[in-house]
Protein backbone atom coordinates (compact mmCIF):
# COMPACT_ATOMS: atom_id res chain seq x y z
CA MET A 1 16.46 6.92 6.26
CA ILE A 2 13.08 8.16 7.35
CA PHE A 3 12.80 5.65 10.16
CA GLY A 4 14.63 7.47 12.96
CA LEU A 5 11.42 7.55 14.98
CA PHE A 6 11.34 3.76 15.30
CA LYS A 7 14.59 3.48 17.24
CA LYS A 8 12.73 4.83 20.25
CA LYS A 9 9.81 2.43 19.88
CA SER A 10 11.12 -0.87 18.72
CA GLY A 11 13.93 -3.25 18.12
CA ASN A 12 12.24 -4.09 14.82
CA ILE A 13 13.80 -1.26 12.82
CA ALA A 14 15.80 -3.51 10.46
CA ILE A 15 12.76 -5.70 9.85
CA VAL A 16 10.48 -2.70 9.28
CA GLU A 17 12.97 -1.05 6.91
CA ARG A 18 13.43 -4.27 4.93
CA GLN A 19 9.68 -4.93 4.67
CA TYR A 20 8.80 -1.34 3.81
CA ALA A 21 11.47 -1.36 1.08
CA LEU A 22 9.96 -4.55 -0.39
CA LEU A 23 6.48 -3.04 -0.33
CA THR A 24 7.52 0.23 -1.95
CA ALA A 25 9.51 -1.65 -4.59
CA ALA A 26 6.41 -3.69 -5.39
CA ALA A 27 4.39 -0.48 -5.79
CA ARG A 28 7.01 0.92 -8.18
CA GLN A 29 7.07 -1.95 -10.66
CA PRO A 30 7.15 -0.36 -14.12
CA PHE A 31 4.61 -2.89 -15.47
CA LEU A 32 1.94 -1.41 -13.20
CA TYR A 33 2.36 1.97 -14.87
CA THR A 34 2.99 0.84 -18.44
CA ASP A 35 0.47 -1.99 -18.72
CA LEU A 36 -2.05 -1.84 -15.85
CA ASP A 37 -3.19 1.79 -16.18
CA VAL A 38 -1.71 3.13 -12.94
CA PRO A 39 -1.01 6.84 -13.55
CA ASP A 40 2.67 7.70 -13.17
CA THR A 41 1.99 10.71 -10.97
CA VAL A 42 2.45 11.52 -7.30
CA MET A 43 -1.16 10.52 -6.64
CA GLY A 44 -0.87 7.42 -8.81
CA ARG A 45 2.14 6.30 -6.77
CA PHE A 46 0.26 7.04 -3.52
CA GLU A 47 -2.69 4.98 -4.78
CA MET A 48 -0.48 2.06 -5.82
CA LEU A 49 1.46 2.01 -2.56
CA SER A 50 -1.83 2.18 -0.68
CA ALA A 51 -3.15 -0.85 -2.60
CA ILE A 52 0.04 -2.83 -1.91
CA LEU A 53 -0.05 -1.90 1.77
CA ILE A 54 -3.68 -2.99 1.99
CA LEU A 55 -2.69 -6.42 0.69
CA TYR A 56 0.10 -6.53 3.27
CA PHE A 57 -2.21 -5.53 6.13
CA ARG A 58 -4.79 -8.09 5.11
CA ARG A 59 -2.08 -10.75 5.28
CA THR A 60 -0.74 -9.62 8.65
CA ARG A 61 -4.12 -9.32 10.37
CA ALA A 62 -3.99 -13.09 10.95
CA SER A 63 -0.35 -12.99 12.05
CA ALA A 64 1.02 -13.58 15.48
CA ARG A 65 1.74 -10.60 17.69
CA ALA A 66 5.19 -9.98 16.18
CA GLY A 67 3.73 -9.77 12.67
CA GLN A 68 1.01 -7.39 13.81
CA GLU A 69 3.51 -5.16 15.62
CA ILE A 70 5.62 -4.94 12.48
CA ALA A 71 2.49 -4.15 10.45
CA GLN A 72 1.68 -1.25 12.80
CA GLU A 73 5.22 0.06 12.41
CA ILE A 74 4.82 -0.21 8.63
CA VAL A 75 1.69 1.97 8.88
CA ASP A 76 3.68 4.49 10.90
CA ALA A 77 6.52 4.40 8.35
CA PHE A 78 4.06 4.92 5.50
CA PHE A 79 2.53 8.01 7.07
CA GLU A 80 5.96 9.34 8.02
CA ASP A 81 6.94 8.88 4.37
CA VAL A 82 3.77 10.67 3.19
CA ASP A 83 4.51 13.53 5.61
CA HIS A 84 8.05 13.80 4.26
CA SER A 85 6.82 13.76 0.65
CA ILE A 86 4.24 16.47 1.33
CA ARG A 87 6.94 18.68 2.80
CA GLU A 88 9.24 18.01 -0.17
CA LEU A 89 6.46 19.13 -2.50
CA GLY A 90 6.55 22.49 -0.75
CA VAL A 91 3.52 22.29 1.52
CA GLY A 92 4.07 24.62 4.46
CA ASP A 93 4.30 23.39 8.05
CA VAL A 94 0.94 24.90 8.92
CA SER A 95 -0.86 22.98 6.16
CA VAL A 96 0.82 19.59 6.71
CA PRO A 97 -1.50 18.31 9.50
CA LYS A 98 -4.57 19.11 7.40
CA LYS A 99 -3.07 17.34 4.35
CA MET A 100 -2.02 14.36 6.49
CA LYS A 101 -5.55 14.03 7.83
CA LYS A 102 -6.85 14.03 4.25
CA PHE A 103 -4.36 11.35 3.16
CA ALA A 104 -5.13 9.21 6.21
CA GLY A 105 -8.83 9.44 5.41
CA MET A 106 -8.14 8.48 1.81
CA PHE A 107 -6.02 5.51 2.85
CA TYR A 108 -8.50 4.14 5.38
CA GLY A 109 -11.39 4.68 2.96
CA ARG A 110 -9.55 2.63 0.37
CA LEU A 111 -8.80 0.00 2.97
CA GLU A 112 -12.54 -0.42 3.53
CA SER A 113 -13.61 -0.46 -0.11
CA TYR A 114 -10.78 -2.68 -1.35
CA ALA A 115 -11.14 -5.05 1.61
CA ALA A 116 -14.84 -5.58 0.87
CA ALA A 117 -14.08 -6.47 -2.75
CA LEU A 118 -11.04 -8.60 -1.86
CA GLU A 119 -12.99 -10.43 0.82
CA GLY A 120 -15.67 -11.39 -1.69
CA ARG A 121 -13.08 -12.11 -4.41
CA ASP A 122 -15.12 -9.69 -6.52
CA GLY A 123 -12.87 -8.51 -9.36
CA GLY A 124 -15.58 -6.27 -10.82
CA ALA A 125 -16.15 -4.42 -7.54
CA LEU A 126 -12.40 -4.10 -6.98
CA ALA A 127 -11.88 -2.75 -10.51
CA ALA A 128 -14.68 -0.22 -9.94
CA ALA A 129 -13.10 0.96 -6.68
CA LEU A 130 -9.67 1.18 -8.32
CA ARG A 131 -11.15 3.14 -11.23
CA ARG A 132 -12.74 5.66 -8.85
CA ASN A 133 -9.54 6.13 -6.86
CA PHE A 134 -6.84 5.93 -9.55
CA HIS A 135 -8.74 7.95 -12.16
CA PRO A 136 -11.08 10.34 -10.30
CA GLY A 137 -13.10 12.58 -12.54
CA ALA A 138 -11.93 10.91 -15.77
CA ASP A 139 -14.56 10.93 -18.50
CA GLU A 140 -13.54 7.51 -19.78
CA PRO A 141 -11.30 5.84 -17.21
CA PRO A 142 -9.61 2.55 -18.07
CA SER A 143 -11.33 -0.59 -16.79
CA MET A 144 -8.64 -1.35 -14.16
CA GLN A 145 -9.60 -5.02 -14.52
CA GLY A 146 -5.95 -5.97 -15.09
CA LEU A 147 -4.87 -4.32 -11.85
CA ALA A 148 -7.79 -5.87 -10.00
CA SER A 149 -6.83 -9.32 -11.27
CA TYR A 150 -3.22 -8.76 -10.26
CA LEU A 151 -4.18 -7.65 -6.73
CA LEU A 152 -6.51 -10.64 -6.27
CA ALA A 153 -3.78 -13.03 -7.43
CA ALA A 154 -1.18 -11.32 -5.23
CA GLU A 155 -3.43 -11.64 -2.21
CA THR A 156 -3.77 -15.36 -2.80
CA VAL A 157 0.02 -15.75 -2.92
CA LEU A 158 0.46 -13.65 0.23
CA SER A 159 -2.11 -15.68 2.13
CA GLU A 160 0.04 -18.75 1.59
CA ALA A 161 3.26 -17.13 2.84
CA PRO A 162 4.65 -18.71 6.01
CA GLU A 163 4.53 -16.73 9.23
CA GLU A 164 8.33 -16.62 9.64
CA ILE A 165 8.53 -14.66 6.37
CA VAL A 166 6.14 -12.06 7.80
CA GLU A 167 7.93 -11.85 11.15
CA THR A 168 11.32 -11.33 9.53
CA GLY A 169 10.17 -8.63 7.10
CA GLN A 170 10.70 -10.72 3.98
CA LEU A 171 7.16 -10.90 2.62
CA ARG A 172 7.40 -10.31 -1.12
CA ILE A 173 4.57 -9.15 -3.31
CA PRO A 174 4.55 -11.26 -6.48
CA PRO A 175 5.75 -9.44 -9.58
CA ALA A 176 3.16 -7.90 -11.87
CA GLY A 177 3.01 -9.24 -15.40
CA ALA A 178 4.79 -12.48 -14.58
């Protein structure tokens, strides 16, 4: 797996691997791509995983120390995964740091814009942010209202998850289209 780095840092490797697998599986749900207008492209998958991770981080910000430590390791795993993917796509070693900086900026920018809309439970603002990020430059992008509604509902479910689920890496994102 891509998590060799964590053995040096933490005894949480099994928890981090389990939680990261649950989060990536949630971002790969076919319904998101077939019915909620998420583009089935490398960037579409990056955008969807970013949105799922943002929901996860919003849930863990109120967690105890163990939950927050795991969340930080999830961030590290995500960027390690992005680095690996960039290299697999053929980006040379010299260009990787520049690309990683760009992806980090994109992720943290989305974190800010989605968080503001999620905080206010503003589906219209969230749909607008999703439209800008999932369909940049499109002349007539889809409304993204369905995805916004799903993310708002998922956040509500996550907010009710018990702390022991977070600390053991078993936090599940509700299925889309259920």
